[in-house]
Amino acid sequence: MRARGRSSPYDLGMTRLPYLQRDVLGDEGLRLWDSIVSSRGGQVVTEAGGLSGPFNPWLYSAALGNKMVAVGTDLRFGSTVERRLVEVAIITVGAHWKAEFEWFAHSRMALEHGVSPETVDSIATGTIKSDKADERLVHAVATRLMTQGRLDSDLYADAVSLLGEQGLVELVCLCGYYTIVSLTLNAFEVGLPDGVEPRWG
């Protein structure tokens, strides 16, 4: 994270969708808001009194948003794939789409779960520098899915050998889910916290 030196379309106050307040929400919106805040704490509530990340856009379609949050929770916390590798996949997807908020949130999580700073920095450039074969393989799978939408036989076999069939299903779904997150963030120009400069800005 770097101190912001200039204005950006990702400034927190410049998101394309106005921040919805809790007191204007219907039942589905309240359920979504409360599930997000209870599982993630008050840090997801912005100074404007709305929700950060993809959550404010999802409040505009709260029934869908509730399903999205449930899927994301299962993929991140219920996966058989090690959390370190989950975060490698997420930041690979975020880097591909240059999704600023996704990178801001998950590059930190990747570091917390044991991905080296050098590896995180390299993924931001679309490559990977890692001495861990499993990180390189997960990055290759996520990159191939983002760029070609499929896996060749050798990469598929290597991924099944590492993750098992269940783990590979989860990894593919994780990449799809965070593509949805990335497109949501980019389409609505979701803002970054004050003082954070966009990684690709």
C-alpha atoms as a PDB file:
ATOM      1  CA  MET A   1       0.000   0.000   0.000  1.00  0.00           C
ATOM      2  CA  ARG A   2       1.259   3.439  -0.888  1.00  0.00           C
ATOM      3  CA  ALA A   3       0.244   6.896   0.226  1.00  0.00           C
ATOM      4  CA  ARG A   4      -1.970   8.499  -2.360  1.00  0.00           C
ATOM      5  CA  GLY A   5      -0.258  11.266  -4.216  1.00  0.00           C
ATOM      6  CA  ARG A   6      -3.111  12.350  -6.489  1.00  0.00           C
ATOM      7  CA  SER A   7      -6.805  12.105  -7.138  1.00  0.00           C
ATOM      8  CA  SER A   8      -8.145   8.842  -8.546  1.00  0.00           C
ATOM      9  CA  PRO A   9     -11.427   7.426  -9.876  1.00  0.00           C
ATOM     10  CA  TYR A  10     -11.207   5.010  -6.956  1.00  0.00           C
ATOM     11  CA  ASP A  11     -11.411   7.704  -4.281  1.00  0.00           C
ATOM     12  CA  LEU A  12     -13.781   6.470  -1.604  1.00  0.00           C
ATOM     13  CA  GLY A  13     -16.366   9.179  -2.207  1.00  0.00           C
ATOM     14  CA  MET A  14     -16.465   8.712  -5.972  1.00  0.00           C
ATOM     15  CA  THR A  15     -18.057   5.278  -6.314  1.00  0.00           C
ATOM     16  CA  ARG A  16     -20.704   5.267  -9.049  1.00  0.00           C
ATOM     17  CA  LEU A  17     -23.404   3.928  -6.727  1.00  0.00           C
ATOM     18  CA  PRO A  18     -24.291   6.087  -3.723  1.00  0.00           C
ATOM     19  CA  TYR A  19     -23.654   4.331  -0.421  1.00  0.00           C
ATOM     20  CA  LEU A  20     -26.878   2.871   0.931  1.00  0.00           C
ATOM     21  CA  GLN A  21     -27.507   3.384   4.624  1.00  0.00           C
ATOM     22  CA  ARG A  22     -28.791   0.593   6.820  1.00  0.00           C
ATOM     23  CA  ASP A  23     -31.969   2.464   7.755  1.00  0.00           C
ATOM     24  CA  VAL A  24     -33.229   2.561   4.142  1.00  0.00           C
ATOM     25  CA  LEU A  25     -32.952  -1.174   3.543  1.00  0.00           C
ATOM     26  CA  GLY A  26     -35.698  -3.755   3.299  1.00  0.00           C
ATOM     27  CA  ASP A  27     -35.622  -7.173   4.932  1.00  0.00           C
ATOM     28  CA  GLU A  28     -33.231  -8.756   2.414  1.00  0.00           C
ATOM     29  CA  GLY A  29     -30.915  -5.767   2.613  1.00  0.00           C
ATOM     30  CA  LEU A  30     -30.910  -5.813   6.399  1.00  0.00           C
ATOM     31  CA  ARG A  31     -30.101  -9.514   6.400  1.00  0.00           C
ATOM     32  CA  LEU A  32     -27.223  -8.896   3.986  1.00  0.00           C
ATOM     33  CA  TRP A  33     -25.902  -5.889   5.907  1.00  0.00           C
ATOM     34  CA  ASP A  34     -26.010  -7.672   9.268  1.00  0.00           C
ATOM     35  CA  SER A  35     -24.373 -10.846   7.960  1.00  0.00           C
ATOM     36  CA  ILE A  36     -21.522  -8.838   6.428  1.00  0.00           C
ATOM     37  CA  VAL A  37     -20.916  -6.645   9.477  1.00  0.00           C
ATOM     38  CA  SER A  38     -21.200  -9.532  11.954  1.00  0.00           C
ATOM     39  CA  SER A  39     -18.683 -11.668  10.049  1.00  0.00           C
ATOM     40  CA  ARG A  40     -16.234  -8.914   9.092  1.00  0.00           C
ATOM     41  CA  GLY A  41     -16.564  -6.320  11.821  1.00  0.00           C
ATOM     42  CA  GLY A  42     -17.065  -2.587  11.665  1.00  0.00           C
ATOM     43  CA  GLN A  43     -14.117  -2.028   9.299  1.00  0.00           C
ATOM     44  CA  VAL A  44     -16.416  -2.718   6.321  1.00  0.00           C
ATOM     45  CA  VAL A  45     -18.551   0.327   7.193  1.00  0.00           C
ATOM     46  CA  THR A  46     -17.231   3.424   5.418  1.00  0.00           C
ATOM     47  CA  GLU A  47     -17.072   6.976   6.717  1.00  0.00           C
ATOM     48  CA  ALA A  48     -20.109   7.633   4.525  1.00  0.00           C
ATOM     49  CA  GLY A  49     -22.036   5.061   6.546  1.00  0.00           C
ATOM     50  CA  GLY A  50     -22.219   2.485   3.751  1.00  0.00           C
ATOM     51  CA  LEU A  51     -20.477  -0.808   3.093  1.00  0.00           C
ATOM     52  CA  SER A  52     -17.091  -1.024   1.383  1.00  0.00           C
ATOM     53  CA  GLY A  53     -15.898  -3.383  -1.328  1.00  0.00           C
ATOM     54  CA  PRO A  54     -18.473  -5.157  -3.499  1.00  0.00           C
ATOM     55  CA  PHE A  55     -21.022  -5.110  -0.707  1.00  0.00           C
ATOM     56  CA  ASN A  56     -22.580  -1.712  -1.434  1.00  0.00           C
ATOM     57  CA  PRO A  57     -23.359  -2.667  -5.052  1.00  0.00           C
ATOM     58  CA  TRP A  58     -24.787  -5.980  -3.857  1.00  0.00           C
ATOM     59  CA  LEU A  59     -27.134  -4.136  -1.497  1.00  0.00           C
ATOM     60  CA  TYR A  60     -28.848  -2.790  -4.612  1.00  0.00           C
ATOM     61  CA  SER A  61     -29.839  -6.389  -5.404  1.00  0.00           C
ATOM     62  CA  ALA A  62     -29.893  -7.741  -1.889  1.00  0.00           C
ATOM     63  CA  ALA A  63     -31.433 -11.155  -2.559  1.00  0.00           C
ATOM     64  CA  LEU A  64     -28.624 -11.841  -5.032  1.00  0.00           C
ATOM     65  CA  GLY A  65     -26.099 -10.260  -2.669  1.00  0.00           C
ATOM     66  CA  ASN A  66     -27.042 -12.664   0.118  1.00  0.00           C
ATOM     67  CA  LYS A  67     -26.358 -15.600  -2.189  1.00  0.00           C
ATOM     68  CA  MET A  68     -23.068 -14.093  -3.338  1.00  0.00           C
ATOM     69  CA  VAL A  69     -21.846 -13.601   0.230  1.00  0.00           C
ATOM     70  CA  ALA A  70     -22.803 -17.168   1.143  1.00  0.00           C
ATOM     71  CA  VAL A  71     -20.888 -18.582  -1.828  1.00  0.00           C
ATOM     72  CA  GLY A  72     -17.854 -16.417  -1.067  1.00  0.00           C
ATOM     73  CA  THR A  73     -17.824 -17.518   2.562  1.00  0.00           C
ATOM     74  CA  ASP A  74     -17.932 -21.191   1.549  1.00  0.00           C
ATOM     75  CA  LEU A  75     -15.159 -20.750  -1.009  1.00  0.00           C
ATOM     76  CA  ARG A  76     -12.797 -18.891   1.320  1.00  0.00           C
ATOM     77  CA  PHE A  77     -13.426 -20.594   4.647  1.00  0.00           C
ATOM     78  CA  GLY A  78     -14.901 -23.987   3.736  1.00  0.00           C
ATOM     79  CA  SER A  79     -12.489 -24.980   0.999  1.00  0.00           C
ATOM     80  CA  THR A  80     -10.211 -28.002   1.145  1.00  0.00           C
ATOM     81  CA  VAL A  81      -7.568 -25.826  -0.542  1.00  0.00           C
ATOM     82  CA  GLU A  82      -5.026 -24.325   1.860  1.00  0.00           C
ATOM     83  CA  ARG A  83      -5.809 -20.694   2.645  1.00  0.00           C
ATOM     84  CA  ARG A  84      -2.377 -19.535   1.435  1.00  0.00           C
ATOM     85  CA  LEU A  85      -3.161 -20.966  -2.001  1.00  0.00           C
ATOM     86  CA  VAL A  86      -6.680 -19.551  -1.939  1.00  0.00           C
ATOM     87  CA  GLU A  87      -5.181 -16.095  -1.516  1.00  0.00           C
ATOM     88  CA  VAL A  88      -2.682 -16.702  -4.338  1.00  0.00           C
ATOM     89  CA  ALA A  89      -5.611 -17.495  -6.617  1.00  0.00           C
ATOM     90  CA  ILE A  90      -7.633 -14.475  -5.476  1.00  0.00           C
ATOM     91  CA  ILE A  91      -4.840 -11.968  -6.061  1.00  0.00           C
ATOM     92  CA  THR A  92      -4.046 -13.583  -9.406  1.00  0.00           C
ATOM     93  CA  VAL A  93      -7.640 -12.963 -10.479  1.00  0.00           C
ATOM     94  CA  GLY A  94      -7.595  -9.451  -9.002  1.00  0.00           C
ATOM     95  CA  ALA A  95      -4.359  -8.616 -10.815  1.00  0.00           C
ATOM     96  CA  HIS A  96      -5.717  -9.907 -14.120  1.00  0.00           C
ATOM     97  CA  TRP A  97      -8.749  -7.603 -13.879  1.00  0.00           C
ATOM     98  CA  LYS A  98      -6.786  -4.816 -12.144  1.00  0.00           C
ATOM     99  CA  ALA A  99      -9.479  -4.737  -9.480  1.00  0.00           C
ATOM    100  CA  GLU A 100      -8.112  -2.178  -7.053  1.00  0.00           C
ATOM    101  CA  PHE A 101     -10.183  -2.922  -3.968  1.00  0.00           C
ATOM    102  CA  GLU A 102      -9.753  -6.674  -4.372  1.00  0.00           C
ATOM    103  CA  TRP A 103      -5.993  -6.216  -4.576  1.00  0.00           C
ATOM    104  CA  PHE A 104      -5.986  -3.861  -1.587  1.00  0.00           C
ATOM    105  CA  ALA A 105      -7.882  -6.354   0.578  1.00  0.00           C
ATOM    106  CA  HIS A 106      -6.389  -9.655  -0.511  1.00  0.00           C
ATOM    107  CA  SER A 107      -2.738  -8.760  -1.057  1.00  0.00           C
ATOM    108  CA  ARG A 108      -2.644  -8.092   2.681  1.00  0.00           C
ATOM    109  CA  MET A 109      -4.409 -11.382   3.400  1.00  0.00           C
ATOM    110  CA  ALA A 110      -1.954 -13.239   1.178  1.00  0.00           C
ATOM    111  CA  LEU A 111       0.922 -11.854   3.240  1.00  0.00           C
ATOM    112  CA  GLU A 112      -0.847 -12.778   6.471  1.00  0.00           C
ATOM    113  CA  HIS A 113      -1.259 -16.368   5.278  1.00  0.00           C
ATOM    114  CA  GLY A 114       2.362 -16.883   4.339  1.00  0.00           C
ATOM    115  CA  VAL A 115       2.788 -15.679   0.759  1.00  0.00           C
ATOM    116  CA  SER A 116       6.083 -13.804   0.487  1.00  0.00           C
ATOM    117  CA  PRO A 117       6.152 -10.079  -0.324  1.00  0.00           C
ATOM    118  CA  GLU A 118       8.219 -10.796  -3.442  1.00  0.00           C
ATOM    119  CA  THR A 119       5.613 -13.275  -4.662  1.00  0.00           C
ATOM    120  CA  VAL A 120       2.743 -10.872  -4.011  1.00  0.00           C
ATOM    121  CA  ASP A 121       4.557  -8.073  -5.850  1.00  0.00           C
ATOM    122  CA  SER A 122       5.294 -10.324  -8.811  1.00  0.00           C
ATOM    123  CA  ILE A 123       1.660 -11.420  -9.138  1.00  0.00           C
ATOM    124  CA  ALA A 124       0.672  -7.773  -9.471  1.00  0.00           C
ATOM    125  CA  THR A 125       2.675  -7.697 -12.709  1.00  0.00           C
ATOM    126  CA  GLY A 126       0.980 -10.791 -14.146  1.00  0.00           C
ATOM    127  CA  THR A 127       3.856 -13.187 -13.427  1.00  0.00           C
ATOM    128  CA  ILE A 128       4.946 -15.100 -10.343  1.00  0.00           C
ATOM    129  CA  LYS A 129       8.254 -15.378  -8.526  1.00  0.00           C
ATOM    130  CA  SER A 130       7.957 -18.063  -5.874  1.00  0.00           C
ATOM    131  CA  ASP A 131      10.144 -20.867  -4.602  1.00  0.00           C
ATOM    132  CA  LYS A 132       6.988 -22.847  -3.783  1.00  0.00           C
ATOM    133  CA  ALA A 133       5.796 -25.163  -6.526  1.00  0.00           C
ATOM    134  CA  ASP A 134       2.220 -25.214  -5.232  1.00  0.00           C
ATOM    135  CA  GLU A 135       1.962 -21.413  -5.470  1.00  0.00           C
ATOM    136  CA  ARG A 136       3.324 -21.454  -9.008  1.00  0.00           C
ATOM    137  CA  LEU A 137       0.828 -24.145 -10.002  1.00  0.00           C
ATOM    138  CA  VAL A 138      -2.189 -22.374  -8.501  1.00  0.00           C
ATOM    139  CA  HIS A 139      -1.115 -19.154 -10.202  1.00  0.00           C
ATOM    140  CA  ALA A 140      -0.801 -21.035 -13.503  1.00  0.00           C
ATOM    141  CA  VAL A 141      -4.295 -22.518 -13.131  1.00  0.00           C
ATOM    142  CA  ALA A 142      -5.869 -19.164 -12.279  1.00  0.00           C
ATOM    143  CA  THR A 143      -3.991 -17.393 -15.075  1.00  0.00           C
ATOM    144  CA  ARG A 144      -4.964 -19.981 -17.668  1.00  0.00           C
ATOM    145  CA  LEU A 145      -8.611 -19.759 -16.617  1.00  0.00           C
ATOM    146  CA  MET A 146      -8.527 -15.955 -16.844  1.00  0.00           C
ATOM    147  CA  THR A 147      -6.795 -15.840 -20.223  1.00  0.00           C
ATOM    148  CA  GLN A 148      -8.092 -18.952 -22.002  1.00  0.00           C
ATOM    149  CA  GLY A 149     -11.100 -20.131 -20.020  1.00  0.00           C
ATOM    150  CA  ARG A 150      -9.879 -23.725 -19.899  1.00  0.00           C
ATOM    151  CA  LEU A 151      -7.055 -25.997 -18.703  1.00  0.00           C
ATOM    152  CA  ASP A 152      -4.935 -28.169 -20.952  1.00  0.00           C
ATOM    153  CA  SER A 153      -4.432 -31.831 -20.067  1.00  0.00           C
ATOM    154  CA  ASP A 154      -1.027 -31.454 -18.430  1.00  0.00           C
ATOM    155  CA  LEU A 155      -2.023 -28.516 -16.241  1.00  0.00           C
ATOM    156  CA  TYR A 156      -5.273 -30.249 -15.302  1.00  0.00           C
ATOM    157  CA  ALA A 157      -3.401 -33.398 -14.273  1.00  0.00           C
ATOM    158  CA  ASP A 158      -0.898 -31.416 -12.221  1.00  0.00           C
ATOM    159  CA  ALA A 159      -3.691 -29.515 -10.480  1.00  0.00           C
ATOM    160  CA  VAL A 160      -5.586 -32.709  -9.614  1.00  0.00           C
ATOM    161  CA  SER A 161      -2.361 -34.235  -8.294  1.00  0.00           C
ATOM    162  CA  LEU A 162      -1.856 -31.228  -5.999  1.00  0.00           C
ATOM    163  CA  LEU A 163      -5.413 -30.434  -4.948  1.00  0.00           C
ATOM    164  CA  GLY A 164      -7.508 -33.517  -5.682  1.00  0.00           C
ATOM    165  CA  GLU A 165     -10.627 -33.364  -7.787  1.00  0.00           C
ATOM    166  CA  GLN A 166     -12.686 -31.656  -5.070  1.00  0.00           C
ATOM    167  CA  GLY A 167      -9.991 -29.068  -4.487  1.00  0.00           C
ATOM    168  CA  LEU A 168      -9.735 -28.273  -8.177  1.00  0.00           C
ATOM    169  CA  VAL A 169     -13.498 -27.809  -8.442  1.00  0.00           C
ATOM    170  CA  GLU A 170     -13.280 -25.386  -5.522  1.00  0.00           C
ATOM    171  CA  LEU A 171     -10.344 -23.524  -7.081  1.00  0.00           C
ATOM    172  CA  VAL A 172     -12.116 -23.115 -10.423  1.00  0.00           C
ATOM    173  CA  CYS A 173     -15.248 -21.838  -8.668  1.00  0.00           C
ATOM    174  CA  LEU A 174     -13.108 -19.497  -6.545  1.00  0.00           C
ATOM    175  CA  CYS A 175     -11.624 -17.955  -9.692  1.00  0.00           C
ATOM    176  CA  GLY A 176     -15.098 -17.503 -11.150  1.00  0.00           C
ATOM    177  CA  TYR A 177     -16.434 -15.950  -7.958  1.00  0.00           C
ATOM    178  CA  TYR A 178     -13.591 -13.437  -7.681  1.00  0.00           C
ATOM    179  CA  THR A 179     -14.034 -12.554 -11.332  1.00  0.00           C
ATOM    180  CA  ILE A 180     -17.594 -11.535 -10.419  1.00  0.00           C
ATOM    181  CA  VAL A 181     -16.210  -9.566  -7.463  1.00  0.00           C
ATOM    182  CA  SER A 182     -13.609  -7.892  -9.696  1.00  0.00           C
ATOM    183  CA  LEU A 183     -16.123  -6.908 -12.350  1.00  0.00           C
ATOM    184  CA  THR A 184     -18.450  -5.533  -9.672  1.00  0.00           C
ATOM    185  CA  LEU A 185     -15.651  -3.427  -8.193  1.00  0.00           C
ATOM    186  CA  ASN A 186     -14.500  -2.164 -11.586  1.00  0.00           C
ATOM    187  CA  ALA A 187     -17.918  -1.462 -13.089  1.00  0.00           C
ATOM    188  CA  PHE A 188     -18.978   0.660 -10.135  1.00  0.00           C
ATOM    189  CA  GLU A 189     -15.508   2.124  -9.428  1.00  0.00           C
ATOM    190  CA  VAL A 190     -15.667   1.110  -5.802  1.00  0.00           C
ATOM    191  CA  GLY A 191     -13.464   3.358  -3.703  1.00  0.00           C
ATOM    192  CA  LEU A 192     -10.348   2.564  -1.729  1.00  0.00           C
ATOM    193  CA  PRO A 193      -9.812   3.649   1.878  1.00  0.00           C
ATOM    194  CA  ASP A 194      -8.461   7.149   2.345  1.00  0.00           C
ATOM    195  CA  GLY A 195      -4.690   7.340   1.936  1.00  0.00           C
ATOM    196  CA  VAL A 196      -4.372   4.263  -0.301  1.00  0.00           C
ATOM    197  CA  GLU A 197      -3.209   4.755  -3.881  1.00  0.00           C
ATOM    198  CA  PRO A 198      -4.460   2.391  -6.583  1.00  0.00           C
ATOM    199  CA  ARG A 199      -1.966  -0.314  -7.458  1.00  0.00           C
ATOM    200  CA  TRP A 200      -2.454   0.185 -11.187  1.00  0.00           C
ATOM    201  CA  GLY A 201      -3.514   3.829 -11.059  1.00  0.00           C
END
